[in-house]
Amino acid sequence: WFFWLGWVRSYTAWLPQTEALWQELLLLREMRADYWAAQQVDPL
């Protein structure tokens, strides 16, 4: 999915807030994977 989102980012980089929204999605993507992993290992 982030391959396609990265493509969208590349051809609409001139739109307002594109980079800020991309960075937000990257952060939330990692937090979602963190949460999934934390169900199986110690979060600490």
All heavy atoms as atom14 arrays in JSON, in Angstrom:
{
  "sequence": "WFFWLGWVRSYTAWLPQTEALWQELLLLREMRADYWAAQQVDPL",
  "atom14_mask": [
    [1, 1, 1, 1, 1, 1, 1, 1, 1, 1, 1, 1, 1, 1],
    [1, 1, 1, 1, 1, 1, 1, 1, 1, 1, 1, 0, 0, 0],
    [1, 1, 1, 1, 1, 1, 1, 1, 1, 1, 1, 0, 0, 0],
    [1, 1, 1, 1, 1, 1, 1, 1, 1, 1, 1, 1, 1, 1],
    [1, 1, 1, 1, 1, 1, 1, 1, 0, 0, 0, 0, 0, 0],
    [1, 1, 1, 1, 0, 0, 0, 0, 0, 0, 0, 0, 0, 0],
    [1, 1, 1, 1, 1, 1, 1, 1, 1, 1, 1, 1, 1, 1],
    [1, 1, 1, 1, 1, 1, 1, 0, 0, 0, 0, 0, 0, 0],
    [1, 1, 1, 1, 1, 1, 1, 1, 1, 1, 1, 0, 0, 0],
    [1, 1, 1, 1, 1, 1, 0, 0, 0, 0, 0, 0, 0, 0],
    [1, 1, 1, 1, 1, 1, 1, 1, 1, 1, 1, 1, 0, 0],
    [1, 1, 1, 1, 1, 1, 1, 0, 0, 0, 0, 0, 0, 0],
    [1, 1, 1, 1, 1, 0, 0, 0, 0, 0, 0, 0, 0, 0],
    [1, 1, 1, 1, 1, 1, 1, 1, 1, 1, 1, 1, 1, 1],
    [1, 1, 1, 1, 1, 1, 1, 1, 0, 0, 0, 0, 0, 0],
    [1, 1, 1, 1, 1, 1, 1, 0, 0, 0, 0, 0, 0, 0],
    [1, 1, 1, 1, 1, 1, 1, 1, 1, 0, 0, 0, 0, 0],
    [1, 1, 1, 1, 1, 1, 1, 0, 0, 0, 0, 0, 0, 0],
    [1, 1, 1, 1, 1, 1, 1, 1, 1, 0, 0, 0, 0, 0],
    [1, 1, 1, 1, 1, 0, 0, 0, 0, 0, 0, 0, 0, 0],
    [1, 1, 1, 1, 1, 1, 1, 1, 0, 0, 0, 0, 0, 0],
    [1, 1, 1, 1, 1, 1, 1, 1, 1, 1, 1, 1, 1, 1],
    [1, 1, 1, 1, 1, 1, 1, 1, 1, 0, 0, 0, 0, 0],
    [1, 1, 1, 1, 1, 1, 1, 1, 1, 0, 0, 0, 0, 0],
    [1, 1, 1, 1, 1, 1, 1, 1, 0, 0, 0, 0, 0, 0],
    [1, 1, 1, 1, 1, 1, 1, 1, 0, 0, 0, 0, 0, 0],
    [1, 1, 1, 1, 1, 1, 1, 1, 0, 0, 0, 0, 0, 0],
    [1, 1, 1, 1, 1, 1, 1, 1, 0, 0, 0, 0, 0, 0],
    [1, 1, 1, 1, 1, 1, 1, 1, 1, 1, 1, 0, 0, 0],
    [1, 1, 1, 1, 1, 1, 1, 1, 1, 0, 0, 0, 0, 0],
    [1, 1, 1, 1, 1, 1, 1, 1, 0, 0, 0, 0, 0, 0],
    [1, 1, 1, 1, 1, 1, 1, 1, 1, 1, 1, 0, 0, 0],
    [1, 1, 1, 1, 1, 0, 0, 0, 0, 0, 0, 0, 0, 0],
    [1, 1, 1, 1, 1, 1, 1, 1, 0, 0, 0, 0, 0, 0],
    [1, 1, 1, 1, 1, 1, 1, 1, 1, 1, 1, 1, 0, 0],
    [1, 1, 1, 1, 1, 1, 1, 1, 1, 1, 1, 1, 1, 1],
    [1, 1, 1, 1, 1, 0, 0, 0, 0, 0, 0, 0, 0, 0],
    [1, 1, 1, 1, 1, 0, 0, 0, 0, 0, 0, 0, 0, 0],
    [1, 1, 1, 1, 1, 1, 1, 1, 1, 0, 0, 0, 0, 0],
    [1, 1, 1, 1, 1, 1, 1, 1, 1, 0, 0, 0, 0, 0],
    [1, 1, 1, 1, 1, 1, 1, 0, 0, 0, 0, 0, 0, 0],
    [1, 1, 1, 1, 1, 1, 1, 1, 0, 0, 0, 0, 0, 0],
    [1, 1, 1, 1, 1, 1, 1, 0, 0, 0, 0, 0, 0, 0],
    [1, 1, 1, 1, 1, 1, 1, 1, 0, 0, 0, 0, 0, 0]
  ],
  "atom14_positions": [
    [[0.81, -1.21, 0.0], [0.0, 0.0, 0.0], [0.85, 1.26, 0.0], [0.49, 2.25, -0.65], [-0.95, 0.0, 1.2], [-1.99, -1.07, 1.11], [-2.13, -2.17, 1.93], [-3.03, -1.2, 0.13], [-3.17, -2.95, 1.52], [-3.75, -2.39, 0.42], [-3.41, -0.42, -0.96], [-4.83, -2.79, -0.35], [-4.49, -0.84, -1.73], [-5.18, -2.0, -1.42]],
    [[1.98, 1.25, 0.7], [2.8, 2.46, 0.75], [3.62, 2.66, -0.51], [4.13, 3.75, -0.74], [3.67, 2.48, 2.02], [2.96, 3.08, 3.19], [2.05, 2.32, 3.92], [3.16, 4.4, 3.54], [1.36, 2.87, 5.0], [2.48, 4.96, 4.6], [1.57, 4.2, 5.33], [0.0, 0.0, 0.0], [0.0, 0.0, 0.0], [0.0, 0.0, 0.0]],
    [[3.75, 1.62, -1.32], [4.31, 1.83, -2.65], [3.4, 2.76, -3.45], [3.85, 3.73, -4.07], [4.47, 0.5, -3.38], [4.82, 0.65, -4.85], [6.14, 0.8, -5.24], [3.83, 0.65, -5.82], [6.47, 0.96, -6.57], [4.15, 0.81, -7.16], [5.47, 0.96, -7.54], [0.0, 0.0, 0.0], [0.0, 0.0, 0.0], [0.0, 0.0, 0.0]],
    [[2.09, 2.49, -3.41], [1.14, 3.32, -4.15], [0.99, 4.7, -3.51], [0.87, 5.71, -4.22], [-0.2, 2.61, -4.24], [-0.13, 1.34, -5.02], [-0.13, 0.06, -4.54], [0.03, 1.22, -6.45], [0.0, -0.84, -5.56], [0.1, -0.17, -6.74], [0.11, 2.14, -7.49], [0.25, -0.64, -8.04], [0.26, 1.67, -8.78], [0.32, 0.29, -9.05]],
    [[0.99, 4.76, -2.2], [0.92, 6.06, -1.53], [2.16, 6.89, -1.84], [2.07, 8.11, -2.0], [0.76, 5.87, -0.02], [-0.56, 5.28, 0.45], [-0.52, 5.02, 1.95], [-1.73, 6.19, 0.09], [0.0, 0.0, 0.0], [0.0, 0.0, 0.0], [0.0, 0.0, 0.0], [0.0, 0.0, 0.0], [0.0, 0.0, 0.0], [0.0, 0.0, 0.0]],
    [[3.32, 6.23, -1.92], [4.54, 6.94, -2.29], [4.47, 7.48, -3.7], [5.01, 8.57, -3.99], [0.0, 0.0, 0.0], [0.0, 0.0, 0.0], [0.0, 0.0, 0.0], [0.0, 0.0, 0.0], [0.0, 0.0, 0.0], [0.0, 0.0, 0.0], [0.0, 0.0, 0.0], [0.0, 0.0, 0.0], [0.0, 0.0, 0.0], [0.0, 0.0, 0.0]],
    [[3.83, 6.73, -4.59], [3.64, 7.22, -5.96], [2.73, 8.45, -5.97], [3.03, 9.45, -6.64], [3.04, 6.11, -6.81], [2.58, 6.57, -8.17], [3.33, 7.22, -9.1], [1.26, 6.42, -8.73], [2.56, 7.48, -10.22], [1.29, 7.0, -10.03], [0.08, 5.84, -8.27], [0.18, 7.02, -10.86], [-1.02, 5.86, -9.11], [-0.97, 6.45, -10.37]],
    [[1.64, 8.4, -5.21], [0.74, 9.55, -5.12], [1.5, 10.77, -4.6], [1.34, 11.89, -5.11], [-0.45, 9.22, -4.2], [-1.25, 10.48, -3.88], [-1.35, 8.17, -4.85], [0.0, 0.0, 0.0], [0.0, 0.0, 0.0], [0.0, 0.0, 0.0], [0.0, 0.0, 0.0], [0.0, 0.0, 0.0], [0.0, 0.0, 0.0], [0.0, 0.0, 0.0]],
    [[2.34, 10.55, -3.61], [3.14, 11.64, -3.06], [4.06, 12.24, -4.12], [4.23, 13.47, -4.21], [3.98, 11.12, -1.89], [4.99, 12.09, -1.34], [6.1, 11.34, -0.65], [7.09, 12.18, -0.04], [8.31, 11.77, 0.29], [8.67, 10.51, 0.07], [9.17, 12.59, 0.85], [0.0, 0.0, 0.0], [0.0, 0.0, 0.0], [0.0, 0.0, 0.0]],
    [[4.64, 11.41, -4.99], [5.62, 11.88, -5.96], [5.02, 12.81, -7.01], [5.65, 13.78, -7.41], [6.3, 10.69, -6.65], [5.39, 9.99, -7.5], [0.0, 0.0, 0.0], [0.0, 0.0, 0.0], [0.0, 0.0, 0.0], [0.0, 0.0, 0.0], [0.0, 0.0, 0.0], [0.0, 0.0, 0.0], [0.0, 0.0, 0.0], [0.0, 0.0, 0.0]],
    [[3.78, 12.53, -7.45], [3.24, 13.37, -8.51], [2.3, 14.47, -8.0], [1.78, 15.26, -8.8], [2.56, 12.52, -9.6], [1.19, 11.94, -9.31], [0.04, 12.68, -9.56], [1.05, 10.65, -8.83], [-1.21, 12.14, -9.33], [-0.21, 10.1, -8.61], [-1.33, 10.85, -8.85], [-2.58, 10.32, -8.63], [0.0, 0.0, 0.0], [0.0, 0.0, 0.0]],
    [[2.1, 14.53, -6.69], [1.31, 15.63, -6.13], [2.09, 16.33, -5.0], [1.48, 16.86, -4.08], [-0.04, 15.12, -5.59], [0.2, 14.1, -4.62], [-0.9, 14.57, -6.72], [0.0, 0.0, 0.0], [0.0, 0.0, 0.0], [0.0, 0.0, 0.0], [0.0, 0.0, 0.0], [0.0, 0.0, 0.0], [0.0, 0.0, 0.0], [0.0, 0.0, 0.0]],
    [[3.4, 16.32, -5.11], [4.22, 16.95, -4.06], [3.97, 18.44, -3.97], [4.25, 19.06, -2.93], [5.71, 16.68, -4.33], [0.0, 0.0, 0.0], [0.0, 0.0, 0.0], [0.0, 0.0, 0.0], [0.0, 0.0, 0.0], [0.0, 0.0, 0.0], [0.0, 0.0, 0.0], [0.0, 0.0, 0.0], [0.0, 0.0, 0.0], [0.0, 0.0, 0.0]],
    [[3.44, 19.04, -5.02], [3.19, 20.48, -5.06], [1.91, 20.88, -4.32], [1.68, 22.06, -4.08], [3.1, 20.94, -6.51], [2.21, 20.09, -7.35], [2.53, 18.94, -8.0], [0.82, 20.31, -7.6], [1.43, 18.42, -8.65], [0.37, 19.24, -8.43], [-0.1, 21.3, -7.22], [-0.95, 19.14, -8.87], [-1.41, 21.2, -7.66], [-1.81, 20.13, -8.49]],
    [[1.07, 19.91, -3.97], [-0.15, 20.24, -3.24], [0.19, 20.63, -1.79], [1.18, 20.15, -1.23], [-1.09, 19.03, -3.22], [-1.85, 18.73, -4.51], [-2.69, 17.46, -4.33], [-2.75, 19.88, -4.91], [0.0, 0.0, 0.0], [0.0, 0.0, 0.0], [0.0, 0.0, 0.0], [0.0, 0.0, 0.0], [0.0, 0.0, 0.0], [0.0, 0.0, 0.0]],
    [[-0.62, 21.48, -1.17], [-0.37, 21.89, 0.22], [-0.36, 20.69, 1.17], [-1.18, 19.78, 1.04], [-1.53, 22.84, 0.55], [-2.08, 23.27, -0.77], [-1.82, 22.14, -1.73], [0.0, 0.0, 0.0], [0.0, 0.0, 0.0], [0.0, 0.0, 0.0], [0.0, 0.0, 0.0], [0.0, 0.0, 0.0], [0.0, 0.0, 0.0], [0.0, 0.0, 0.0]],
    [[0.57, 20.69, 2.11], [0.65, 19.73, 3.22], [0.96, 18.3, 2.79], [0.83, 17.37, 3.59], [-0.66, 19.73, 4.02], [-1.0, 21.06, 4.66], [-2.19, 20.96, 5.58], [-2.37, 19.98, 6.3], [-3.02, 22.0, 5.58], [0.0, 0.0, 0.0], [0.0, 0.0, 0.0], [0.0, 0.0, 0.0], [0.0, 0.0, 0.0], [0.0, 0.0, 0.0]],
    [[1.41, 18.1, 1.56], [1.69, 16.73, 1.12], [2.76, 16.08, 1.98], [2.6, 14.95, 2.45], [2.14, 16.71, -0.36], [1.05, 17.15, -1.18], [2.54, 15.31, -0.79], [0.0, 0.0, 0.0], [0.0, 0.0, 0.0], [0.0, 0.0, 0.0], [0.0, 0.0, 0.0], [0.0, 0.0, 0.0], [0.0, 0.0, 0.0], [0.0, 0.0, 0.0]],
    [[3.86, 16.76, 2.2], [4.96, 16.17, 2.97], [4.57, 15.97, 4.43], [4.92, 14.94, 5.04], [6.21, 17.06, 2.87], [7.46, 16.43, 3.47], [7.85, 15.11, 2.81], [7.51, 14.9, 1.63], [8.48, 14.28, 3.48], [0.0, 0.0, 0.0], [0.0, 0.0, 0.0], [0.0, 0.0, 0.0], [0.0, 0.0, 0.0], [0.0, 0.0, 0.0]],
    [[3.85, 16.92, 5.0], [3.41, 16.77, 6.4], [2.48, 15.57, 6.56], [2.6, 14.8, 7.53], [2.72, 18.05, 6.86], [0.0, 0.0, 0.0], [0.0, 0.0, 0.0], [0.0, 0.0, 0.0], [0.0, 0.0, 0.0], [0.0, 0.0, 0.0], [0.0, 0.0, 0.0], [0.0, 0.0, 0.0], [0.0, 0.0, 0.0], [0.0, 0.0, 0.0]],
    [[1.57, 15.39, 5.63], [0.65, 14.25, 5.7], [1.39, 12.93, 5.47], [1.07, 11.91, 6.08], [-0.46, 14.41, 4.66], [-1.5, 15.5, 4.96], [-2.38, 15.76, 3.75], [-2.35, 15.1, 6.17], [0.0, 0.0, 0.0], [0.0, 0.0, 0.0], [0.0, 0.0, 0.0], [0.0, 0.0, 0.0], [0.0, 0.0, 0.0], [0.0, 0.0, 0.0]],
    [[2.38, 12.94, 4.58], [3.19, 11.73, 4.33], [3.93, 11.32, 5.6], [3.95, 10.15, 5.97], [4.16, 12.0, 3.19], [5.16, 10.91, 2.94], [6.5, 10.94, 3.2], [4.91, 9.62, 2.35], [7.09, 9.76, 2.82], [6.15, 8.94, 2.31], [3.77, 8.99, 1.88], [6.27, 7.64, 1.8], [3.88, 7.7, 1.37], [5.13, 7.04, 1.34]],
    [[4.54, 12.28, 6.27], [5.25, 11.98, 7.5], [4.3, 11.48, 8.59], [4.64, 10.6, 9.37], [6.01, 13.22, 8.0], [7.14, 13.66, 7.09], [8.2, 12.59, 6.9], [8.5, 11.83, 7.83], [8.78, 12.52, 5.72], [0.0, 0.0, 0.0], [0.0, 0.0, 0.0], [0.0, 0.0, 0.0], [0.0, 0.0, 0.0], [0.0, 0.0, 0.0]],
    [[3.09, 12.03, 8.62], [2.09, 11.57, 9.58], [1.7, 10.12, 9.29], [1.56, 9.3, 10.21], [0.86, 12.49, 9.51], [-0.31, 12.05, 10.37], [-0.17, 12.4, 11.84], [0.93, 12.84, 12.26], [-1.15, 12.21, 12.59], [0.0, 0.0, 0.0], [0.0, 0.0, 0.0], [0.0, 0.0, 0.0], [0.0, 0.0, 0.0], [0.0, 0.0, 0.0]],
    [[1.52, 9.79, 8.02], [1.17, 8.41, 7.66], [2.29, 7.45, 8.0], [2.04, 6.33, 8.45], [0.84, 8.34, 6.17], [-0.52, 8.89, 5.75], [-0.65, 8.88, 4.23], [-1.66, 8.09, 6.38], [0.0, 0.0, 0.0], [0.0, 0.0, 0.0], [0.0, 0.0, 0.0], [0.0, 0.0, 0.0], [0.0, 0.0, 0.0], [0.0, 0.0, 0.0]],
    [[3.54, 7.86, 7.77], [4.67, 7.0, 8.13], [4.7, 6.73, 9.63], [4.93, 5.6, 10.06], [5.99, 7.65, 7.69], [6.28, 7.72, 6.2], [7.63, 8.39, 5.96], [6.25, 6.34, 5.56], [0.0, 0.0, 0.0], [0.0, 0.0, 0.0], [0.0, 0.0, 0.0], [0.0, 0.0, 0.0], [0.0, 0.0, 0.0], [0.0, 0.0, 0.0]],
    [[4.47, 7.78, 10.41], [4.46, 7.61, 11.86], [3.34, 6.66, 12.3], [3.58, 5.73, 13.09], [4.27, 8.98, 12.53], [4.02, 8.97, 14.04], [5.21, 8.36, 14.78], [3.72, 10.37, 14.55], [0.0, 0.0, 0.0], [0.0, 0.0, 0.0], [0.0, 0.0, 0.0], [0.0, 0.0, 0.0], [0.0, 0.0, 0.0], [0.0, 0.0, 0.0]],
    [[2.14, 6.86, 11.77], [1.01, 6.02, 12.16], [1.18, 4.59, 11.64], [0.72, 3.64, 12.29], [-0.29, 6.63, 11.65], [-0.65, 7.98, 12.27], [-1.86, 8.59, 11.59], [-0.88, 7.86, 13.77], [0.0, 0.0, 0.0], [0.0, 0.0, 0.0], [0.0, 0.0, 0.0], [0.0, 0.0, 0.0], [0.0, 0.0, 0.0], [0.0, 0.0, 0.0]],
    [[1.83, 4.44, 10.5], [2.13, 3.09, 10.0], [3.03, 2.34, 10.98], [2.79, 1.16, 11.3], [2.83, 3.19, 8.64], [3.25, 1.88, 8.04], [4.13, 2.08, 6.82], [5.49, 2.5, 7.17], [6.46, 2.71, 6.28], [6.2, 2.6, 4.98], [7.66, 3.06, 6.67], [0.0, 0.0, 0.0], [0.0, 0.0, 0.0], [0.0, 0.0, 0.0]],
    [[4.05, 3.02, 11.47], [4.96, 2.39, 12.43], [4.28, 2.12, 13.76], [4.5, 1.09, 14.39], [6.2, 3.27, 12.63], [7.04, 3.47, 11.37], [7.41, 2.15, 10.73], [7.92, 1.25, 11.43], [7.17, 2.0, 9.52], [0.0, 0.0, 0.0], [0.0, 0.0, 0.0], [0.0, 0.0, 0.0], [0.0, 0.0, 0.0], [0.0, 0.0, 0.0]],
    [[3.44, 3.05, 14.2], [2.73, 2.85, 15.47], [1.76, 1.67, 15.38], [1.59, 0.92, 16.34], [1.98, 4.13, 15.85], [2.9, 5.28, 16.25], [2.0, 6.82, 16.55], [0.94, 6.34, 17.88], [0.0, 0.0, 0.0], [0.0, 0.0, 0.0], [0.0, 0.0, 0.0], [0.0, 0.0, 0.0], [0.0, 0.0, 0.0], [0.0, 0.0, 0.0]],
    [[1.15, 1.49, 14.2], [0.25, 0.36, 14.02], [1.01, -0.96, 14.09], [0.56, -1.93, 14.71], [-0.49, 0.5, 12.69], [-1.54, -0.57, 12.46], [-2.39, -0.28, 11.24], [-1.61, -0.33, 10.01], [-2.14, -0.23, 8.79], [-3.44, -0.01, 8.66], [-1.38, -0.29, 7.71], [0.0, 0.0, 0.0], [0.0, 0.0, 0.0], [0.0, 0.0, 0.0]],
    [[2.18, -1.0, 13.46], [3.01, -2.21, 13.52], [3.54, -2.42, 14.94], [3.65, -3.57, 15.4], [4.16, -2.11, 12.53], [0.0, 0.0, 0.0], [0.0, 0.0, 0.0], [0.0, 0.0, 0.0], [0.0, 0.0, 0.0], [0.0, 0.0, 0.0], [0.0, 0.0, 0.0], [0.0, 0.0, 0.0], [0.0, 0.0, 0.0], [0.0, 0.0, 0.0]],
    [[3.88, -1.33, 15.63], [4.3, -1.44, 17.03], [3.2, -2.08, 17.88], [3.45, -2.97, 18.7], [4.62, -0.06, 17.6], [5.93, 0.52, 17.06], [6.75, -0.27, 16.55], [6.12, 1.75, 17.16], [0.0, 0.0, 0.0], [0.0, 0.0, 0.0], [0.0, 0.0, 0.0], [0.0, 0.0, 0.0], [0.0, 0.0, 0.0], [0.0, 0.0, 0.0]],
    [[1.98, -1.59, 17.67], [0.85, -2.09, 18.46], [0.62, -3.57, 18.18], [0.36, -4.36, 19.09], [-0.41, -1.28, 18.14], [-1.61, -1.67, 18.95], [-1.84, -1.1, 20.2], [-2.52, -2.61, 18.47], [-2.95, -1.47, 20.95], [-3.62, -2.98, 19.23], [-3.83, -2.41, 20.46], [-4.91, -2.78, 21.21], [0.0, 0.0, 0.0], [0.0, 0.0, 0.0]],
    [[0.71, -3.96, 16.91], [0.52, -5.36, 16.55], [1.58, -6.24, 17.21], [1.28, -7.31, 17.74], [0.59, -5.5, 15.03], [0.12, -6.82, 14.5], [-1.16, -7.16, 14.13], [0.91, -8.0, 14.28], [-1.2, -8.47, 13.7], [0.05, -9.0, 13.77], [2.27, -8.3, 14.45], [0.5, -10.28, 13.44], [2.71, -9.57, 14.12], [1.84, -10.54, 13.62]],
    [[2.83, -5.77, 17.2], [3.93, -6.53, 17.83], [3.76, -6.58, 19.34], [4.09, -7.59, 19.98], [5.27, -5.9, 17.47], [0.0, 0.0, 0.0], [0.0, 0.0, 0.0], [0.0, 0.0, 0.0], [0.0, 0.0, 0.0], [0.0, 0.0, 0.0], [0.0, 0.0, 0.0], [0.0, 0.0, 0.0], [0.0, 0.0, 0.0], [0.0, 0.0, 0.0]],
    [[3.25, -5.5, 19.93], [3.11, -5.43, 21.38], [2.08, -6.42, 21.91], [2.04, -6.68, 23.12], [2.74, -4.02, 21.81], [0.0, 0.0, 0.0], [0.0, 0.0, 0.0], [0.0, 0.0, 0.0], [0.0, 0.0, 0.0], [0.0, 0.0, 0.0], [0.0, 0.0, 0.0], [0.0, 0.0, 0.0], [0.0, 0.0, 0.0], [0.0, 0.0, 0.0]],
    [[1.23, -6.97, 21.03], [0.29, -8.0, 21.45], [0.98, -9.35, 21.65], [0.41, -10.27, 22.24], [-0.83, -8.17, 20.41], [-1.54, -6.89, 20.01], [-2.04, -6.1, 21.2], [-2.84, -6.59, 22.0], [-1.56, -4.87, 21.33], [0.0, 0.0, 0.0], [0.0, 0.0, 0.0], [0.0, 0.0, 0.0], [0.0, 0.0, 0.0], [0.0, 0.0, 0.0]],
    [[2.23, -9.48, 21.15], [2.92, -10.75, 21.19], [4.23, -10.72, 21.97], [4.74, -11.77, 22.36], [3.21, -11.21, 19.75], [1.93, -11.29, 18.9], [2.24, -11.55, 17.44], [2.73, -12.63, 17.1], [1.97, -10.58, 16.58], [0.0, 0.0, 0.0], [0.0, 0.0, 0.0], [0.0, 0.0, 0.0], [0.0, 0.0, 0.0], [0.0, 0.0, 0.0]],
    [[4.78, -9.54, 22.16], [6.01, -9.4, 22.95], [5.8, -8.3, 23.98], [4.83, -7.53, 23.9], [7.23, -9.07, 22.04], [7.49, -10.21, 21.06], [7.02, -7.76, 21.3], [0.0, 0.0, 0.0], [0.0, 0.0, 0.0], [0.0, 0.0, 0.0], [0.0, 0.0, 0.0], [0.0, 0.0, 0.0], [0.0, 0.0, 0.0], [0.0, 0.0, 0.0]],
    [[6.71, -8.22, 24.91], [6.64, -7.18, 25.94], [6.83, -5.81, 25.29], [7.85, -5.56, 24.64], [7.75, -7.43, 26.97], [7.64, -6.51, 28.17], [6.9, -5.51, 28.09], [8.3, -6.79, 29.19], [0.0, 0.0, 0.0], [0.0, 0.0, 0.0], [0.0, 0.0, 0.0], [0.0, 0.0, 0.0], [0.0, 0.0, 0.0], [0.0, 0.0, 0.0]],
    [[5.87, -4.89, 25.45], [6.02, -3.55, 24.86], [7.28, -2.82, 25.33], [7.87, -2.05, 24.57], [4.76, -2.81, 25.33], [3.77, -3.89, 25.61], [4.58, -5.05, 26.13], [0.0, 0.0, 0.0], [0.0, 0.0, 0.0], [0.0, 0.0, 0.0], [0.0, 0.0, 0.0], [0.0, 0.0, 0.0], [0.0, 0.0, 0.0], [0.0, 0.0, 0.0]],
    [[7.69, -3.08, 26.56], [8.9, -2.44, 27.07], [10.13, -2.92, 26.3], [11.01, -2.11, 25.99], [9.05, -2.74, 28.56], [10.25, -2.07, 29.27], [10.16, -0.56, 29.13], [10.31, -2.49, 30.73], [0.0, 0.0, 0.0], [0.0, 0.0, 0.0], [0.0, 0.0, 0.0], [0.0, 0.0, 0.0], [0.0, 0.0, 0.0], [0.0, 0.0, 0.0]]
  ]
}
